[in-house]
N, C-alpha and C. Protein backbone atom coordinates (compact mmCIF):
# COMPACT_ATOMS: atom_id res chain seq x y z
N UNK A 1 0.84 -1.19 0.00
CA UNK A 1 0.00 0.00 0.00
C UNK A 1 0.88 1.25 0.00
N UNK A 2 0.61 2.18 -0.88
CA UNK A 2 1.38 3.41 -0.95
C UNK A 2 0.73 4.45 -0.04
N UNK A 3 1.54 5.03 0.81
CA UNK A 3 1.06 6.06 1.73
C UNK A 3 0.93 7.38 0.97
N UNK A 4 0.21 8.30 1.57
CA UNK A 4 0.04 9.62 0.94
C UNK A 4 1.37 10.36 0.85
N UNK A 5 2.27 10.12 1.79
CA UNK A 5 3.57 10.80 1.80
C UNK A 5 4.66 9.75 1.70
N UNK A 6 5.62 10.02 0.84
CA UNK A 6 6.80 9.16 0.73
C UNK A 6 8.02 10.01 1.09
N UNK A 7 8.86 9.47 1.97
CA UNK A 7 10.10 10.13 2.37
C UNK A 7 11.26 9.37 1.76
N UNK A 8 12.01 10.04 0.91
CA UNK A 8 13.21 9.46 0.31
C UNK A 8 14.36 9.75 1.25
N UNK A 9 15.01 8.67 1.72
CA UNK A 9 15.90 8.75 2.86
C UNK A 9 17.16 7.92 2.62
N UNK A 10 18.34 8.48 2.93
CA UNK A 10 19.59 7.74 2.80
C UNK A 10 19.58 6.52 3.70
N UNK A 11 20.06 5.41 3.17
CA UNK A 11 20.03 4.17 3.93
C UNK A 11 21.35 3.42 3.79
N UNK A 12 21.54 2.48 4.69
CA UNK A 12 22.74 1.64 4.66
C UNK A 12 22.56 0.51 3.66
N UNK A 13 23.53 -0.38 3.59
CA UNK A 13 23.49 -1.49 2.64
C UNK A 13 22.30 -2.42 2.89
N UNK A 14 21.90 -2.58 4.14
CA UNK A 14 20.79 -3.48 4.48
C UNK A 14 19.42 -2.85 4.20
N UNK A 15 19.40 -1.56 3.94
CA UNK A 15 18.16 -0.79 3.75
C UNK A 15 17.32 -0.73 5.02
N UNK A 16 17.97 -0.90 6.16
CA UNK A 16 17.28 -0.88 7.44
C UNK A 16 17.69 0.29 8.33
N UNK A 17 18.88 0.85 8.10
CA UNK A 17 19.39 1.93 8.94
C UNK A 17 19.39 3.23 8.14
N UNK A 18 18.67 4.21 8.64
CA UNK A 18 18.61 5.52 8.01
C UNK A 18 19.52 6.45 8.82
N UNK A 19 20.45 7.11 8.16
CA UNK A 19 21.49 7.81 8.90
C UNK A 19 21.67 9.29 8.58
N UNK A 20 20.95 9.83 7.65
CA UNK A 20 21.14 11.24 7.31
C UNK A 20 20.57 12.15 8.39
N UNK A 21 21.38 13.06 8.94
CA UNK A 21 20.86 14.00 9.94
C UNK A 21 19.69 14.83 9.40
N UNK A 22 19.77 15.19 8.13
CA UNK A 22 18.73 16.04 7.54
C UNK A 22 17.45 15.24 7.30
N UNK A 23 17.60 13.98 6.92
CA UNK A 23 16.42 13.12 6.76
C UNK A 23 15.77 12.83 8.11
N UNK A 24 16.59 12.68 9.16
CA UNK A 24 16.01 12.47 10.49
C UNK A 24 15.17 13.67 10.91
N UNK A 25 15.56 14.86 10.53
CA UNK A 25 14.76 16.04 10.84
C UNK A 25 13.38 15.91 10.21
N UNK A 26 13.35 15.47 8.95
CA UNK A 26 12.08 15.32 8.25
C UNK A 26 11.28 14.16 8.80
N UNK A 27 11.95 13.06 9.09
CA UNK A 27 11.27 11.89 9.66
C UNK A 27 10.57 12.27 10.97
N UNK A 28 11.28 12.95 11.87
CA UNK A 28 10.67 13.32 13.14
C UNK A 28 9.60 14.40 12.97
N UNK A 29 9.76 15.26 11.97
CA UNK A 29 8.72 16.26 11.69
C UNK A 29 7.43 15.58 11.26
N UNK A 30 7.55 14.57 10.40
CA UNK A 30 6.36 13.81 9.97
C UNK A 30 5.71 13.10 11.15
N UNK A 31 6.54 12.52 12.01
CA UNK A 31 6.00 11.83 13.19
C UNK A 31 5.33 12.82 14.14
N UNK A 32 5.94 13.98 14.34
CA UNK A 32 5.37 15.03 15.18
C UNK A 32 3.97 15.42 14.69
N UNK A 33 3.84 15.53 13.38
CA UNK A 33 2.55 15.91 12.78
C UNK A 33 1.55 14.76 12.81
N UNK A 34 2.03 13.55 13.14
CA UNK A 34 1.13 12.39 13.16
C UNK A 34 0.74 11.94 11.76
N UNK A 35 1.62 12.17 10.80
CA UNK A 35 1.32 11.82 9.41
C UNK A 35 1.93 10.47 9.06
N UNK A 36 1.14 9.65 8.40
CA UNK A 36 1.67 8.38 7.93
C UNK A 36 2.55 8.63 6.73
N UNK A 37 3.65 7.89 6.67
CA UNK A 37 4.55 8.04 5.53
C UNK A 37 5.28 6.73 5.29
N UNK A 38 5.77 6.61 4.09
CA UNK A 38 6.54 5.44 3.69
C UNK A 38 7.98 5.90 3.45
N UNK A 39 8.94 5.19 4.03
CA UNK A 39 10.35 5.50 3.78
C UNK A 39 10.81 4.78 2.53
N UNK A 40 11.35 5.53 1.59
CA UNK A 40 11.89 4.98 0.35
C UNK A 40 13.41 5.06 0.44
N UNK A 41 14.09 3.91 0.44
CA UNK A 41 15.55 3.93 0.54
C UNK A 41 16.20 4.65 -0.64
N UNK A 42 17.21 5.43 -0.35
CA UNK A 42 17.96 6.20 -1.34
C UNK A 42 19.43 5.97 -1.00
N UNK A 43 20.25 5.83 -2.02
CA UNK A 43 21.68 5.65 -1.81
C UNK A 43 22.42 6.81 -2.47
N UNK A 44 23.66 7.02 -2.04
CA UNK A 44 24.50 8.04 -2.67
C UNK A 44 24.56 7.78 -4.17
N UNK A 45 24.55 8.82 -4.93
CA UNK A 45 24.63 8.79 -6.41
C UNK A 45 23.51 7.99 -7.04
N UNK A 46 22.35 7.96 -6.41
CA UNK A 46 21.20 7.21 -6.93
C UNK A 46 20.56 8.02 -8.05
N UNK A 47 21.06 7.84 -9.26
CA UNK A 47 20.61 8.63 -10.41
C UNK A 47 19.13 8.40 -10.73
N UNK A 48 18.67 7.17 -10.58
CA UNK A 48 17.26 6.87 -10.89
C UNK A 48 16.33 7.66 -9.98
N UNK A 49 16.65 7.69 -8.69
CA UNK A 49 15.81 8.45 -7.75
C UNK A 49 15.93 9.95 -8.01
N UNK A 50 17.13 10.41 -8.34
CA UNK A 50 17.32 11.84 -8.62
C UNK A 50 16.49 12.26 -9.84
N UNK A 51 16.47 11.41 -10.85
CA UNK A 51 15.66 11.72 -12.04
C UNK A 51 14.17 11.69 -11.71
N UNK A 52 13.77 10.73 -10.90
CA UNK A 52 12.35 10.59 -10.54
C UNK A 52 11.87 11.80 -9.74
N UNK A 53 12.67 12.22 -8.76
CA UNK A 53 12.24 13.29 -7.86
C UNK A 53 12.62 14.68 -8.34
N UNK A 54 13.60 14.76 -9.22
CA UNK A 54 14.09 16.06 -9.65
C UNK A 54 15.09 16.66 -8.69
N UNK A 55 15.53 15.89 -7.71
CA UNK A 55 16.48 16.37 -6.71
C UNK A 55 17.60 15.35 -6.53
N UNK A 56 18.81 15.83 -6.37
CA UNK A 56 19.97 14.95 -6.23
C UNK A 56 20.33 14.67 -4.78
N UNK A 57 19.71 15.38 -3.84
CA UNK A 57 20.03 15.21 -2.42
C UNK A 57 18.75 15.01 -1.62
N UNK A 58 18.87 14.28 -0.54
CA UNK A 58 17.75 14.04 0.34
C UNK A 58 17.89 14.92 1.58
N UNK A 59 16.79 15.15 2.32
CA UNK A 59 15.49 14.52 2.16
C UNK A 59 14.67 15.11 1.01
N UNK A 60 13.85 14.24 0.48
CA UNK A 60 12.84 14.61 -0.50
C UNK A 60 11.56 13.91 -0.08
N UNK A 61 10.44 14.61 -0.15
CA UNK A 61 9.16 13.94 0.08
C UNK A 61 8.29 14.11 -1.15
N UNK A 62 7.46 13.12 -1.35
CA UNK A 62 6.41 13.19 -2.35
C UNK A 62 5.12 13.40 -1.57
N UNK A 63 4.49 14.54 -1.79
CA UNK A 63 3.28 14.87 -1.04
C UNK A 63 2.48 15.91 -1.80
N UNK A 64 1.19 15.81 -1.71
CA UNK A 64 0.33 16.82 -2.32
C UNK A 64 0.50 16.93 -3.82
N UNK A 65 0.87 15.82 -4.45
CA UNK A 65 1.01 15.82 -5.89
C UNK A 65 2.31 16.41 -6.41
N UNK A 66 3.27 16.67 -5.52
CA UNK A 66 4.55 17.24 -5.96
C UNK A 66 5.69 16.77 -5.10
N UNK A 67 6.86 17.30 -5.39
CA UNK A 67 8.08 16.96 -4.67
C UNK A 67 8.52 18.15 -3.84
N UNK A 68 8.92 17.89 -2.61
CA UNK A 68 9.46 18.91 -1.73
C UNK A 68 10.82 18.42 -1.26
N UNK A 69 11.78 19.34 -1.14
CA UNK A 69 13.09 18.94 -0.65
C UNK A 69 13.63 19.97 0.34
N UNK A 70 14.71 19.59 1.01
CA UNK A 70 15.40 20.39 2.01
C UNK A 70 14.58 20.38 3.31
N UNK A 71 15.21 19.88 4.36
CA UNK A 71 14.48 19.59 5.60
C UNK A 71 13.71 20.78 6.17
N UNK A 72 14.30 21.95 6.22
CA UNK A 72 13.59 23.11 6.79
C UNK A 72 12.41 23.52 5.91
N UNK A 73 12.60 23.49 4.60
CA UNK A 73 11.50 23.82 3.68
C UNK A 73 10.38 22.79 3.79
N UNK A 74 10.74 21.53 4.00
CA UNK A 74 9.72 20.49 4.18
C UNK A 74 8.93 20.75 5.45
N UNK A 75 9.62 21.12 6.53
CA UNK A 75 8.92 21.42 7.79
C UNK A 75 7.93 22.57 7.61
N UNK A 76 8.35 23.61 6.91
CA UNK A 76 7.43 24.73 6.65
C UNK A 76 6.25 24.27 5.81
N UNK A 77 6.52 23.46 4.80
CA UNK A 77 5.44 22.93 3.95
C UNK A 77 4.46 22.12 4.79
N UNK A 78 4.96 21.27 5.67
CA UNK A 78 4.08 20.43 6.49
C UNK A 78 3.17 21.27 7.37
N UNK A 79 3.71 22.35 7.94
CA UNK A 79 2.87 23.24 8.76
C UNK A 79 1.80 23.92 7.91
N UNK A 80 2.14 24.30 6.69
CA UNK A 80 1.16 24.96 5.81
C UNK A 80 0.12 23.97 5.29
N UNK A 81 0.57 22.79 4.90
CA UNK A 81 -0.33 21.81 4.28
C UNK A 81 -1.20 21.08 5.28
N UNK A 82 -0.75 20.98 6.53
CA UNK A 82 -1.49 20.23 7.55
C UNK A 82 -1.67 21.10 8.80
N UNK A 83 -2.40 22.21 8.68
CA UNK A 83 -2.55 23.12 9.83
C UNK A 83 -3.36 22.52 10.97
N UNK A 84 -4.12 21.46 10.69
CA UNK A 84 -4.93 20.82 11.73
C UNK A 84 -4.10 19.87 12.59
N UNK A 85 -2.87 19.61 12.20
CA UNK A 85 -1.97 18.73 12.96
C UNK A 85 -1.07 19.59 13.83
N UNK A 86 -0.45 19.00 14.87
CA UNK A 86 0.42 19.79 15.76
C UNK A 86 1.48 20.56 14.97
N UNK A 87 1.64 21.83 15.30
CA UNK A 87 2.58 22.69 14.58
C UNK A 87 4.02 22.33 14.92
N UNK A 88 4.87 22.40 13.91
CA UNK A 88 6.31 22.25 14.10
C UNK A 88 6.92 23.58 14.52
N UNK A 89 6.41 24.65 13.93
CA UNK A 89 6.87 26.01 14.24
C UNK A 89 5.62 26.87 14.36
N UNK A 90 5.13 27.02 15.59
CA UNK A 90 3.82 27.63 15.81
C UNK A 90 3.77 29.12 15.52
N UNK A 91 4.93 29.77 15.50
CA UNK A 91 4.94 31.22 15.25
C UNK A 91 6.32 31.63 14.75
N UNK A 92 6.49 32.93 14.53
CA UNK A 92 7.77 33.42 14.02
C UNK A 92 8.92 33.15 14.99
N UNK A 93 8.63 33.20 16.29
CA UNK A 93 9.68 32.93 17.28
C UNK A 93 10.15 31.48 17.18
N UNK A 94 9.21 30.55 17.01
CA UNK A 94 9.59 29.14 16.87
C UNK A 94 10.38 28.91 15.59
N UNK A 95 10.00 29.60 14.53
CA UNK A 95 10.73 29.48 13.27
C UNK A 95 12.14 30.04 13.43
N UNK A 96 12.27 31.18 14.09
CA UNK A 96 13.59 31.78 14.32
C UNK A 96 14.45 30.88 15.20
N UNK A 97 13.84 30.26 16.20
CA UNK A 97 14.58 29.33 17.06
C UNK A 97 15.10 28.16 16.25
N UNK A 98 14.26 27.61 15.38
CA UNK A 98 14.69 26.49 14.53
C UNK A 98 15.84 26.92 13.62
N UNK A 99 15.76 28.11 13.06
CA UNK A 99 16.83 28.60 12.19
C UNK A 99 18.13 28.79 12.98
N UNK A 100 18.00 29.30 14.20
CA UNK A 100 19.18 29.48 15.05
C UNK A 100 19.81 28.13 15.39
N UNK A 101 18.98 27.16 15.80
CA UNK A 101 19.51 25.84 16.16
C UNK A 101 20.17 25.19 14.95
N UNK A 102 19.57 25.35 13.77
CA UNK A 102 20.17 24.79 12.57
C UNK A 102 21.54 25.43 12.30
N UNK A 103 21.63 26.75 12.41
CA UNK A 103 22.91 27.43 12.20
C UNK A 103 23.94 27.01 13.25
N UNK A 104 23.51 26.86 14.49
CA UNK A 104 24.40 26.43 15.57
C UNK A 104 24.89 25.01 15.31
N UNK A 105 24.00 24.12 14.89
CA UNK A 105 24.42 22.74 14.60
C UNK A 105 25.45 22.71 13.48
N UNK A 106 25.21 23.48 12.44
CA UNK A 106 26.14 23.50 11.30
C UNK A 106 27.48 24.12 11.71
N UNK A 107 27.45 25.22 12.45
CA UNK A 107 28.69 25.92 12.78
C UNK A 107 29.44 25.33 13.96
N UNK A 108 28.73 24.70 14.90
CA UNK A 108 29.38 24.28 16.15
C UNK A 108 29.33 22.79 16.45
N UNK A 109 28.30 22.10 15.99
CA UNK A 109 28.13 20.70 16.37
C UNK A 109 28.66 19.74 15.30
N UNK A 110 28.38 20.02 14.04
CA UNK A 110 28.83 19.11 12.98
C UNK A 110 30.34 18.92 12.99
N UNK A 111 31.10 19.98 13.24
CA UNK A 111 32.56 19.89 13.23
C UNK A 111 33.10 18.83 14.17
N UNK A 112 32.76 18.89 15.46
CA UNK A 112 33.26 17.86 16.37
C UNK A 112 32.58 16.50 16.20
N UNK A 113 31.39 16.49 15.61
CA UNK A 113 30.70 15.22 15.40
C UNK A 113 31.25 14.47 14.18
N UNK A 114 31.70 15.21 13.18
CA UNK A 114 32.16 14.60 11.92
C UNK A 114 33.21 13.50 12.12
N UNK A 115 34.29 13.72 12.90
CA UNK A 115 35.28 12.66 13.03
C UNK A 115 34.72 11.39 13.66
N UNK A 116 33.69 11.54 14.46
CA UNK A 116 33.08 10.38 15.11
C UNK A 116 32.10 9.65 14.20
N UNK A 117 31.61 10.31 13.15
CA UNK A 117 30.54 9.74 12.33
C UNK A 117 30.97 9.26 10.96
N UNK A 118 31.93 9.91 10.34
CA UNK A 118 32.22 9.63 8.93
C UNK A 118 32.59 8.17 8.68
N UNK A 119 33.50 7.61 9.46
CA UNK A 119 33.87 6.21 9.23
C UNK A 119 32.71 5.26 9.55
N UNK A 120 31.88 5.62 10.50
CA UNK A 120 30.71 4.79 10.81
C UNK A 120 29.79 4.71 9.60
N UNK A 121 29.57 5.83 8.94
CA UNK A 121 28.73 5.84 7.74
C UNK A 121 29.41 5.02 6.64
N UNK A 122 30.69 5.23 6.44
CA UNK A 122 31.43 4.50 5.40
C UNK A 122 31.28 2.99 5.59
N UNK A 123 31.34 2.53 6.81
CA UNK A 123 31.27 1.09 7.09
C UNK A 123 29.90 0.49 6.79
N UNK A 124 28.84 1.28 6.85
CA UNK A 124 27.50 0.70 6.69
C UNK A 124 26.87 0.91 5.32
N UNK A 125 27.45 1.77 4.49
CA UNK A 125 26.83 2.00 3.18
C UNK A 125 27.12 0.85 2.22
N UNK A 126 26.30 0.76 1.20
CA UNK A 126 26.44 -0.29 0.18
C UNK A 126 27.81 -0.18 -0.48
N UNK A 127 28.39 -1.33 -0.77
CA UNK A 127 29.74 -1.40 -1.35
C UNK A 127 29.89 -0.53 -2.61
N UNK A 128 28.87 -0.51 -3.45
CA UNK A 128 29.02 0.22 -4.72
C UNK A 128 29.05 1.74 -4.55
N UNK A 129 28.72 2.25 -3.37
CA UNK A 129 28.77 3.69 -3.12
C UNK A 129 29.99 4.11 -2.32
N UNK A 130 30.79 3.14 -1.88
CA UNK A 130 31.94 3.46 -1.02
C UNK A 130 32.99 4.30 -1.73
N UNK A 131 33.27 4.03 -2.99
CA UNK A 131 34.31 4.82 -3.66
C UNK A 131 33.85 6.27 -3.81
N UNK A 132 32.57 6.49 -4.15
CA UNK A 132 32.05 7.86 -4.22
C UNK A 132 32.17 8.54 -2.86
N UNK A 133 31.73 7.84 -1.82
CA UNK A 133 31.75 8.42 -0.47
C UNK A 133 33.19 8.78 -0.09
N UNK A 134 34.10 7.84 -0.29
CA UNK A 134 35.51 8.08 0.05
C UNK A 134 36.05 9.28 -0.71
N UNK A 135 35.89 9.28 -2.02
CA UNK A 135 36.45 10.36 -2.84
C UNK A 135 35.86 11.72 -2.48
N UNK A 136 34.55 11.78 -2.33
CA UNK A 136 33.92 13.07 -2.04
C UNK A 136 34.27 13.58 -0.65
N UNK A 137 34.34 12.71 0.33
CA UNK A 137 34.66 13.14 1.70
C UNK A 137 36.14 13.48 1.83
N UNK A 138 37.00 12.69 1.21
CA UNK A 138 38.43 12.98 1.29
C UNK A 138 38.75 14.30 0.60
N UNK A 139 38.07 14.58 -0.49
CA UNK A 139 38.28 15.86 -1.19
C UNK A 139 37.82 17.02 -0.31
N UNK A 140 36.64 16.89 0.27
CA UNK A 140 36.09 17.96 1.11
C UNK A 140 36.89 18.16 2.40
N UNK A 141 37.33 17.06 3.00
CA UNK A 141 38.01 17.13 4.30
C UNK A 141 39.53 17.20 4.18
N UNK A 142 40.03 17.02 2.95
CA UNK A 142 41.47 17.12 2.66
C UNK A 142 42.32 16.14 3.47
N UNK A 143 41.78 14.94 3.67
CA UNK A 143 42.55 13.87 4.31
C UNK A 143 41.87 12.53 4.02
N UNK A 144 42.59 11.45 4.27
CA UNK A 144 42.04 10.11 4.10
C UNK A 144 40.96 9.89 5.15
N UNK A 145 39.97 9.07 4.83
CA UNK A 145 38.90 8.78 5.80
C UNK A 145 39.48 8.25 7.11
N UNK A 146 40.49 7.40 6.99
CA UNK A 146 41.09 6.79 8.18
C UNK A 146 41.82 7.81 9.05
N UNK A 147 42.08 8.99 8.52
CA UNK A 147 42.78 10.04 9.27
C UNK A 147 41.83 11.05 9.91
N UNK A 148 40.56 10.94 9.62
CA UNK A 148 39.60 11.94 10.13
C UNK A 148 39.51 11.88 11.64
N UNK A 149 39.40 10.68 12.17
CA UNK A 149 39.32 10.52 13.62
C UNK A 149 40.71 10.17 14.15
N UNK A 150 41.31 11.09 14.88
CA UNK A 150 42.66 10.90 15.41
C UNK A 150 42.66 10.54 16.89
N UNK A 151 41.71 11.08 17.63
CA UNK A 151 41.68 10.89 19.08
C UNK A 151 40.22 10.90 19.54
N UNK A 152 39.56 9.72 19.48
CA UNK A 152 38.13 9.67 19.82
C UNK A 152 37.79 10.26 21.19
N UNK A 153 38.66 10.10 22.17
CA UNK A 153 38.38 10.66 23.50
C UNK A 153 38.32 12.18 23.44
N UNK A 154 39.30 12.79 22.78
CA UNK A 154 39.30 14.25 22.64
C UNK A 154 38.14 14.72 21.77
N UNK A 155 37.81 13.94 20.74
CA UNK A 155 36.70 14.31 19.86
C UNK A 155 35.37 14.26 20.60
N UNK A 156 35.19 13.26 21.45
CA UNK A 156 33.96 13.18 22.26
C UNK A 156 33.90 14.36 23.23
N UNK A 157 35.04 14.72 23.80
CA UNK A 157 35.08 15.87 24.71
C UNK A 157 34.74 17.16 23.96
N UNK A 158 35.23 17.30 22.73
CA UNK A 158 34.91 18.49 21.92
C UNK A 158 33.42 18.53 21.59
N UNK A 159 32.84 17.37 21.30
CA UNK A 159 31.40 17.32 21.02
C UNK A 159 30.60 17.68 22.28
N UNK A 160 31.01 17.16 23.41
CA UNK A 160 30.34 17.48 24.67
C UNK A 160 30.40 18.99 24.93
N UNK A 161 31.55 19.59 24.69
CA UNK A 161 31.68 21.05 24.87
C UNK A 161 30.78 21.81 23.90
N UNK A 162 30.71 21.34 22.66
CA UNK A 162 29.86 22.01 21.66
C UNK A 162 28.38 21.93 22.04
N UNK A 163 28.01 20.85 22.71
CA UNK A 163 26.61 20.65 23.10
C UNK A 163 26.25 21.32 24.43
N UNK A 164 27.23 21.89 25.11
CA UNK A 164 26.98 22.47 26.43
C UNK A 164 25.86 23.51 26.45
N UNK A 165 25.74 24.40 25.45
CA UNK A 165 24.61 25.35 25.49
C UNK A 165 23.25 24.65 25.55
N UNK A 166 23.09 23.57 24.81
CA UNK A 166 21.82 22.84 24.85
C UNK A 166 21.66 22.15 26.20
N UNK A 167 22.75 21.59 26.71
CA UNK A 167 22.69 20.93 28.01
C UNK A 167 22.27 21.93 29.09
N UNK A 168 22.84 23.11 29.06
CA UNK A 168 22.48 24.14 30.04
C UNK A 168 21.01 24.53 29.91
N UNK A 169 20.54 24.72 28.68
CA UNK A 169 19.14 25.07 28.46
C UNK A 169 18.22 23.97 28.94
N UNK A 170 18.55 22.72 28.59
CA UNK A 170 17.67 21.60 28.95
C UNK A 170 17.72 21.29 30.45
N UNK A 171 18.64 21.90 31.16
CA UNK A 171 18.62 21.81 32.62
C UNK A 171 17.53 22.70 33.21
N UNK A 172 17.03 23.64 32.41
CA UNK A 172 16.00 24.59 32.86
C UNK A 172 14.63 24.32 32.25
N UNK A 173 14.63 23.74 31.06
CA UNK A 173 13.36 23.45 30.38
C UNK A 173 13.56 22.21 29.51
N UNK A 174 12.47 21.58 29.16
CA UNK A 174 12.55 20.29 28.46
C UNK A 174 12.89 20.41 26.98
N UNK A 175 12.50 21.51 26.35
CA UNK A 175 12.66 21.65 24.90
C UNK A 175 13.11 23.07 24.57
N UNK A 176 13.58 23.28 23.34
CA UNK A 176 14.00 24.62 22.94
C UNK A 176 12.87 25.63 23.10
N UNK A 177 11.64 25.21 22.83
CA UNK A 177 10.51 26.12 22.91
C UNK A 177 9.80 26.13 24.25
N UNK A 178 10.31 25.41 25.23
CA UNK A 178 9.66 25.38 26.54
C UNK A 178 9.20 24.00 26.92
N UNK A 179 7.86 23.80 26.99
CA UNK A 179 7.30 22.55 27.49
C UNK A 179 7.01 21.50 26.43
N UNK A 180 7.04 21.87 25.16
CA UNK A 180 6.68 20.93 24.10
C UNK A 180 7.73 20.96 22.99
N UNK A 181 7.94 19.82 22.34
CA UNK A 181 8.93 19.79 21.26
C UNK A 181 8.46 20.59 20.04
N UNK A 182 9.44 21.09 19.32
CA UNK A 182 9.18 21.83 18.08
C UNK A 182 10.24 21.42 17.07
N UNK A 183 10.19 22.01 15.90
CA UNK A 183 11.15 21.65 14.86
C UNK A 183 12.59 21.90 15.31
N UNK A 184 12.83 22.90 16.13
CA UNK A 184 14.19 23.17 16.63
C UNK A 184 14.76 21.94 17.33
N UNK A 185 13.93 21.26 18.11
CA UNK A 185 14.38 20.05 18.81
C UNK A 185 14.73 18.95 17.82
N UNK A 186 13.97 18.86 16.74
CA UNK A 186 14.22 17.81 15.74
C UNK A 186 15.48 18.11 14.93
N UNK A 187 15.83 19.38 14.82
CA UNK A 187 17.08 19.73 14.14
C UNK A 187 18.26 19.17 14.94
N UNK A 188 18.27 19.41 16.24
CA UNK A 188 19.35 18.88 17.07
C UNK A 188 19.30 17.36 17.13
N UNK A 189 18.12 16.80 17.32
CA UNK A 189 17.97 15.34 17.37
C UNK A 189 18.51 14.71 16.09
N UNK A 190 18.10 15.24 14.95
CA UNK A 190 18.56 14.70 13.67
C UNK A 190 20.07 14.75 13.54
N UNK A 191 20.65 15.86 13.98
CA UNK A 191 22.11 16.00 13.93
C UNK A 191 22.77 14.90 14.75
N UNK A 192 22.23 14.62 15.91
CA UNK A 192 22.83 13.62 16.80
C UNK A 192 22.53 12.18 16.39
N UNK A 193 21.64 12.00 15.43
CA UNK A 193 21.37 10.65 14.91
C UNK A 193 22.40 10.23 13.86
N UNK A 194 23.27 11.14 13.47
CA UNK A 194 24.36 10.77 12.56
C UNK A 194 25.18 9.72 13.28
N UNK A 195 25.41 8.56 12.66
CA UNK A 195 26.09 7.46 13.39
C UNK A 195 27.44 7.83 13.95
C-alpha cells in the first residue's frame, strides 16, 4: 500500500538503517505531525531516484502531488499543508529558534561530530557507493577517511563542549521552545542521529 507521503531517505546497505541528519529532521517532523509516511531507501549517487524526484540530495518527500526537498522547507510545507496537525513552528519565534539551532548545529556541532561519524557511515553504506563516499569526503576534508578521527576521546570531549549550550538550556526546560517539542528540537535530534 502506498502512503500519501513518501520520504526518500539515505540508507545503509541493508536498507534498514537511516542515517542522514537532515532526513532524520524530516522523519521526526512527519511523526510530530502524526502523518503516515513510507520510507523509500535512497543511496548516494542514486541517479534513478534523482531523475524521478528532480532532486539529487535528500530529504525529498512526495506529497500533495509534488516533490518537496530540504528539511527546513519540508517542515514549513508540512505546517502549511497540515494546519490541523500539531505545529512544528507555531509562530515566528519558533521558526527563528529552529533557524538558530540549525545554524548552531552547522557551525558548532557538525565539526566535532564529523570525526566520530564519517567512518561509521562509510562502514554501513552499500559497497558500490563506497568509492564515491571516500572520494567526495576525502576531497572535502582534505585527508584520508582513516585520518579523520585521530583521538576519539578528545573528539567526544569536543562534542560534549559544543553541546553544552543545549545541556544548560535543557537543565531549565525540556525543549528549545519550553514545554513541548518543536522543529528546533528535531534539528538537534537529527544531527545527533548521525552514526
